[in-house]
Amino acid sequence: MTPATHTPSPDPSREREGKLTHLDASGAAHMVDVGGKPVTARVAIATGRITMSAEAAAAIRDGAVAKGDVLAVARVAGIMAAKKTADLIPLCHPLPLTSVTLDLAPDDGGVTVTATAATDARTGVEMEALTAASVALLTIYDMAKALDKRMIIEGVRLLRKTGGKSGDFKG
């Protein structure tokens, strides 16, 4: 068996909206070369929601879940996940995060998570924000599943990003 050959993209600046930049000319997956891009301040904000029974939501809000403080653990889990994004998503570049914050807003029907990630780097920080929000939501599910196995995680998406060649995005 011969190993697959990889031909790097001849033009690493070909990253444009609507183009699959993680595929080279032959269709093979590769990590995008960002070496020629300038370091800029970048921020991304992602959100998602977990819906659940009123009883489970009240237990989380009141700090009455047997496993502990769900919101505090979910916040830490989201921050830790953002720092490990490149280990989880195969073609992500490891980024020097300058900050990661998570806002967890419980209400009568669940919890909305908003994650903000920032960096000074050559590539965007969207995946870190999305990973932080996703893992925070999964942590809430894990900690409260004894109270409600029908919880639904939904609406995980990028809200906004700033910085970089492609400019600002607001979804």
C-alpha atoms as a PDB file:
ATOM      1  CA  MET A   1       0.000   0.000   0.000  1.00  0.00           C
ATOM      2  CA  THR A   2       1.465   3.334  -0.992  1.00  0.00           C
ATOM      3  CA  PRO A   3       0.919   6.355   1.196  1.00  0.00           C
ATOM      4  CA  ALA A   4      -1.368   9.062  -0.113  1.00  0.00           C
ATOM      5  CA  THR A   5       0.476  11.955  -1.674  1.00  0.00           C
ATOM      6  CA  HIS A   6      -0.306  15.491  -0.678  1.00  0.00           C
ATOM      7  CA  THR A   7       0.321  18.479  -2.854  1.00  0.00           C
ATOM      8  CA  PRO A   8       0.131  21.713  -0.899  1.00  0.00           C
ATOM      9  CA  SER A   9      -2.097  24.421  -2.289  1.00  0.00           C
ATOM     10  CA  PRO A  10      -0.035  26.643  -4.585  1.00  0.00           C
ATOM     11  CA  ASP A  11      -1.815  29.730  -3.300  1.00  0.00           C
ATOM     12  CA  PRO A  12      -2.265  29.812   0.491  1.00  0.00           C
ATOM     13  CA  SER A  13      -4.037  33.170   0.182  1.00  0.00           C
ATOM     14  CA  ARG A  14      -6.945  31.518  -1.673  1.00  0.00           C
ATOM     15  CA  GLU A  15      -9.093  31.588   1.457  1.00  0.00           C
ATOM     16  CA  ARG A  16     -12.313  33.307   0.391  1.00  0.00           C
ATOM     17  CA  GLU A  17     -15.898  32.989   1.469  1.00  0.00           C
ATOM     18  CA  GLY A  18     -17.624  30.179  -0.390  1.00  0.00           C
ATOM     19  CA  LYS A  19     -14.427  28.245  -1.110  1.00  0.00           C
ATOM     20  CA  LEU A  20     -13.466  25.046   0.697  1.00  0.00           C
ATOM     21  CA  THR A  21     -10.033  26.078   1.899  1.00  0.00           C
ATOM     22  CA  HIS A  22      -9.335  22.823   3.752  1.00  0.00           C
ATOM     23  CA  LEU A  23      -9.167  20.941   0.456  1.00  0.00           C
ATOM     24  CA  ASP A  24      -6.184  21.145  -1.867  1.00  0.00           C
ATOM     25  CA  ALA A  25      -6.385  21.102  -5.674  1.00  0.00           C
ATOM     26  CA  SER A  26      -6.727  17.301  -5.704  1.00  0.00           C
ATOM     27  CA  GLY A  27      -9.464  17.288  -3.056  1.00  0.00           C
ATOM     28  CA  ALA A  28      -7.274  16.060  -0.187  1.00  0.00           C
ATOM     29  CA  ALA A  29      -7.824  17.557   3.256  1.00  0.00           C
ATOM     30  CA  HIS A  30      -5.021  19.772   4.541  1.00  0.00           C
ATOM     31  CA  MET A  31      -4.376  22.420   7.145  1.00  0.00           C
ATOM     32  CA  VAL A  32      -4.576  25.876   5.561  1.00  0.00           C
ATOM     33  CA  ASP A  33      -1.259  27.728   5.476  1.00  0.00           C
ATOM     34  CA  VAL A  34      -1.833  30.962   7.393  1.00  0.00           C
ATOM     35  CA  GLY A  35       1.861  31.870   7.604  1.00  0.00           C
ATOM     36  CA  GLY A  36       1.535  34.823   5.235  1.00  0.00           C
ATOM     37  CA  LYS A  37      -1.457  36.348   6.972  1.00  0.00           C
ATOM     38  CA  PRO A  38      -0.986  39.233   9.409  1.00  0.00           C
ATOM     39  CA  VAL A  39      -1.627  38.821  13.124  1.00  0.00           C
ATOM     40  CA  THR A  40      -4.814  40.700  13.972  1.00  0.00           C
ATOM     41  CA  ALA A  41      -7.136  40.959  16.957  1.00  0.00           C
ATOM     42  CA  ARG A  42     -10.036  38.551  16.468  1.00  0.00           C
ATOM     43  CA  VAL A  43     -13.188  37.929  18.495  1.00  0.00           C
ATOM     44  CA  ALA A  44     -15.981  35.406  17.969  1.00  0.00           C
ATOM     45  CA  ILE A  45     -19.269  35.001  19.816  1.00  0.00           C
ATOM     46  CA  ALA A  46     -21.294  31.778  19.653  1.00  0.00           C
ATOM     47  CA  THR A  47     -24.502  30.717  21.333  1.00  0.00           C
ATOM     48  CA  GLY A  48     -26.694  27.712  21.933  1.00  0.00           C
ATOM     49  CA  ARG A  49     -29.521  26.602  24.178  1.00  0.00           C
ATOM     50  CA  ILE A  50     -30.546  23.582  26.176  1.00  0.00           C
ATOM     51  CA  THR A  51     -34.257  23.224  26.855  1.00  0.00           C
ATOM     52  CA  MET A  52     -35.599  21.094  29.675  1.00  0.00           C
ATOM     53  CA  SER A  53     -38.446  20.589  32.098  1.00  0.00           C
ATOM     54  CA  ALA A  54     -39.358  23.417  34.444  1.00  0.00           C
ATOM     55  CA  GLU A  55     -38.315  21.218  37.386  1.00  0.00           C
ATOM     56  CA  ALA A  56     -34.816  20.602  35.975  1.00  0.00           C
ATOM     57  CA  ALA A  57     -34.417  24.291  35.100  1.00  0.00           C
ATOM     58  CA  ALA A  58     -35.430  25.291  38.626  1.00  0.00           C
ATOM     59  CA  ALA A  59     -32.974  22.818  40.174  1.00  0.00           C
ATOM     60  CA  ILE A  60     -30.139  24.235  38.065  1.00  0.00           C
ATOM     61  CA  ARG A  61     -31.107  27.835  38.809  1.00  0.00           C
ATOM     62  CA  ASP A  62     -31.459  27.103  42.546  1.00  0.00           C
ATOM     63  CA  GLY A  63     -28.205  25.139  42.808  1.00  0.00           C
ATOM     64  CA  ALA A  64     -30.125  22.019  43.848  1.00  0.00           C
ATOM     65  CA  VAL A  65     -28.598  19.451  41.454  1.00  0.00           C
ATOM     66  CA  ALA A  66     -26.977  16.525  43.285  1.00  0.00           C
ATOM     67  CA  LYS A  67     -23.816  16.658  41.138  1.00  0.00           C
ATOM     68  CA  GLY A  68     -23.079  20.237  42.197  1.00  0.00           C
ATOM     69  CA  ASP A  69     -23.168  23.749  40.758  1.00  0.00           C
ATOM     70  CA  VAL A  70     -24.137  23.022  37.145  1.00  0.00           C
ATOM     71  CA  LEU A  71     -23.558  26.539  35.851  1.00  0.00           C
ATOM     72  CA  ALA A  72     -20.110  26.899  37.429  1.00  0.00           C
ATOM     73  CA  VAL A  73     -18.966  23.516  36.119  1.00  0.00           C
ATOM     74  CA  ALA A  74     -20.377  24.234  32.636  1.00  0.00           C
ATOM     75  CA  ARG A  75     -18.558  27.583  32.542  1.00  0.00           C
ATOM     76  CA  VAL A  76     -15.215  25.966  33.406  1.00  0.00           C
ATOM     77  CA  ALA A  77     -15.852  23.112  30.939  1.00  0.00           C
ATOM     78  CA  GLY A  78     -16.515  25.620  28.144  1.00  0.00           C
ATOM     79  CA  ILE A  79     -13.323  27.527  28.872  1.00  0.00           C
ATOM     80  CA  MET A  80     -11.294  24.317  28.977  1.00  0.00           C
ATOM     81  CA  ALA A  81     -12.865  23.134  25.712  1.00  0.00           C
ATOM     82  CA  ALA A  82     -12.002  26.373  23.908  1.00  0.00           C
ATOM     83  CA  LYS A  83      -8.373  25.852  24.917  1.00  0.00           C
ATOM     84  CA  LYS A  84      -8.467  22.302  23.451  1.00  0.00           C
ATOM     85  CA  THR A  85     -10.263  23.061  20.176  1.00  0.00           C
ATOM     86  CA  ALA A  86      -7.269  22.231  17.963  1.00  0.00           C
ATOM     87  CA  ASP A  87      -7.042  18.834  19.700  1.00  0.00           C
ATOM     88  CA  LEU A  88     -10.699  18.112  18.877  1.00  0.00           C
ATOM     89  CA  ILE A  89     -11.140  19.543  15.368  1.00  0.00           C
ATOM     90  CA  PRO A  90      -8.499  17.970  13.096  1.00  0.00           C
ATOM     91  CA  LEU A  91      -7.685  20.913  10.806  1.00  0.00           C
ATOM     92  CA  CYS A  92      -7.919  23.756  13.337  1.00  0.00           C
ATOM     93  CA  HIS A  93      -4.818  25.744  14.133  1.00  0.00           C
ATOM     94  CA  PRO A  94      -3.872  25.955  17.815  1.00  0.00           C
ATOM     95  CA  LEU A  95      -4.483  29.535  18.887  1.00  0.00           C
ATOM     96  CA  PRO A  96      -3.082  31.655  21.714  1.00  0.00           C
ATOM     97  CA  LEU A  97      -6.374  32.639  23.306  1.00  0.00           C
ATOM     98  CA  THR A  98      -6.324  35.980  25.071  1.00  0.00           C
ATOM     99  CA  SER A  99      -9.717  35.435  26.697  1.00  0.00           C
ATOM    100  CA  VAL A 100     -12.688  33.092  26.828  1.00  0.00           C
ATOM    101  CA  THR A 101     -15.885  34.023  28.638  1.00  0.00           C
ATOM    102  CA  LEU A 102     -19.163  32.177  29.001  1.00  0.00           C
ATOM    103  CA  ASP A 103     -22.473  33.726  29.933  1.00  0.00           C
ATOM    104  CA  LEU A 104     -24.986  31.131  31.142  1.00  0.00           C
ATOM    105  CA  ALA A 105     -28.522  32.478  31.399  1.00  0.00           C
ATOM    106  CA  PRO A 106     -30.965  30.089  33.078  1.00  0.00           C
ATOM    107  CA  ASP A 107     -34.704  30.615  32.740  1.00  0.00           C
ATOM    108  CA  ASP A 108     -37.882  28.602  33.362  1.00  0.00           C
ATOM    109  CA  GLY A 109     -37.314  26.359  30.328  1.00  0.00           C
ATOM    110  CA  GLY A 110     -33.557  25.848  30.165  1.00  0.00           C
ATOM    111  CA  VAL A 111     -30.235  27.621  29.820  1.00  0.00           C
ATOM    112  CA  THR A 112     -28.879  29.816  27.033  1.00  0.00           C
ATOM    113  CA  VAL A 113     -25.092  29.797  26.703  1.00  0.00           C
ATOM    114  CA  THR A 114     -23.127  32.572  25.012  1.00  0.00           C
ATOM    115  CA  ALA A 115     -19.388  32.049  24.564  1.00  0.00           C
ATOM    116  CA  THR A 116     -16.909  34.743  23.561  1.00  0.00           C
ATOM    117  CA  ALA A 117     -13.375  33.848  22.491  1.00  0.00           C
ATOM    118  CA  ALA A 118     -10.601  36.301  21.606  1.00  0.00           C
ATOM    119  CA  THR A 119      -7.107  36.022  20.208  1.00  0.00           C
ATOM    120  CA  ASP A 120      -4.371  37.944  18.456  1.00  0.00           C
ATOM    121  CA  ALA A 121      -3.547  35.528  15.653  1.00  0.00           C
ATOM    122  CA  ARG A 122      -3.362  34.836  11.915  1.00  0.00           C
ATOM    123  CA  THR A 123      -6.655  32.939  11.793  1.00  0.00           C
ATOM    124  CA  GLY A 124     -10.118  33.215  13.296  1.00  0.00           C
ATOM    125  CA  VAL A 125     -11.379  32.105  16.668  1.00  0.00           C
ATOM    126  CA  GLU A 126     -14.886  31.004  15.614  1.00  0.00           C
ATOM    127  CA  MET A 127     -14.256  27.312  16.277  1.00  0.00           C
ATOM    128  CA  GLU A 128     -13.099  28.059  19.819  1.00  0.00           C
ATOM    129  CA  ALA A 129     -16.268  30.016  20.594  1.00  0.00           C
ATOM    130  CA  LEU A 130     -18.473  27.302  19.060  1.00  0.00           C
ATOM    131  CA  THR A 131     -16.596  24.562  20.940  1.00  0.00           C
ATOM    132  CA  ALA A 132     -16.901  26.448  24.228  1.00  0.00           C
ATOM    133  CA  ALA A 133     -20.661  26.876  23.814  1.00  0.00           C
ATOM    134  CA  SER A 134     -21.159  23.251  22.735  1.00  0.00           C
ATOM    135  CA  VAL A 135     -19.186  21.718  25.590  1.00  0.00           C
ATOM    136  CA  ALA A 136     -20.856  23.976  28.158  1.00  0.00           C
ATOM    137  CA  LEU A 137     -24.228  22.753  26.885  1.00  0.00           C
ATOM    138  CA  LEU A 138     -23.095  19.110  26.947  1.00  0.00           C
ATOM    139  CA  THR A 139     -21.881  19.585  30.509  1.00  0.00           C
ATOM    140  CA  ILE A 140     -25.267  20.924  31.564  1.00  0.00           C
ATOM    141  CA  TYR A 141     -26.872  17.873  29.974  1.00  0.00           C
ATOM    142  CA  ASP A 142     -24.478  15.521  31.737  1.00  0.00           C
ATOM    143  CA  MET A 143     -24.990  17.094  35.135  1.00  0.00           C
ATOM    144  CA  ALA A 144     -28.804  17.292  34.882  1.00  0.00           C
ATOM    145  CA  LYS A 145     -29.668  14.130  32.920  1.00  0.00           C
ATOM    146  CA  ALA A 146     -30.911  12.404  36.081  1.00  0.00           C
ATOM    147  CA  LEU A 147     -33.582  15.124  36.302  1.00  0.00           C
ATOM    148  CA  ASP A 148     -34.613  15.178  32.642  1.00  0.00           C
ATOM    149  CA  LYS A 149     -33.443  12.790  29.924  1.00  0.00           C
ATOM    150  CA  ARG A 150     -35.492  14.668  27.312  1.00  0.00           C
ATOM    151  CA  MET A 151     -33.346  17.798  27.322  1.00  0.00           C
ATOM    152  CA  ILE A 152     -32.650  19.210  23.860  1.00  0.00           C
ATOM    153  CA  ILE A 153     -29.491  21.019  22.799  1.00  0.00           C
ATOM    154  CA  GLU A 154     -30.272  23.317  19.890  1.00  0.00           C
ATOM    155  CA  GLY A 155     -29.373  26.430  17.981  1.00  0.00           C
ATOM    156  CA  VAL A 156     -25.595  26.260  18.361  1.00  0.00           C
ATOM    157  CA  ARG A 157     -24.342  28.928  15.985  1.00  0.00           C
ATOM    158  CA  LEU A 158     -21.938  31.771  15.388  1.00  0.00           C
ATOM    159  CA  LEU A 159     -23.479  35.119  16.311  1.00  0.00           C
ATOM    160  CA  ARG A 160     -20.630  37.430  15.431  1.00  0.00           C
ATOM    161  CA  LYS A 161     -16.971  37.571  14.542  1.00  0.00           C
ATOM    162  CA  THR A 162     -14.563  40.451  14.062  1.00  0.00           C
ATOM    163  CA  GLY A 163     -11.075  40.737  12.662  1.00  0.00           C
ATOM    164  CA  GLY A 164      -9.192  39.154   9.834  1.00  0.00           C
ATOM    165  CA  LYS A 165      -9.157  39.494   6.065  1.00  0.00           C
ATOM    166  CA  SER A 166     -12.784  38.478   5.555  1.00  0.00           C
ATOM    167  CA  GLY A 167     -13.962  41.242   7.886  1.00  0.00           C
ATOM    168  CA  ASP A 168     -16.800  41.272  10.343  1.00  0.00           C
ATOM    169  CA  PHE A 169     -19.730  38.854  10.395  1.00  0.00           C
ATOM    170  CA  LYS A 170     -23.025  39.199  12.197  1.00  0.00           C
ATOM    171  CA  GLY A 171     -25.454  36.269  11.956  1.00  0.00           C
END
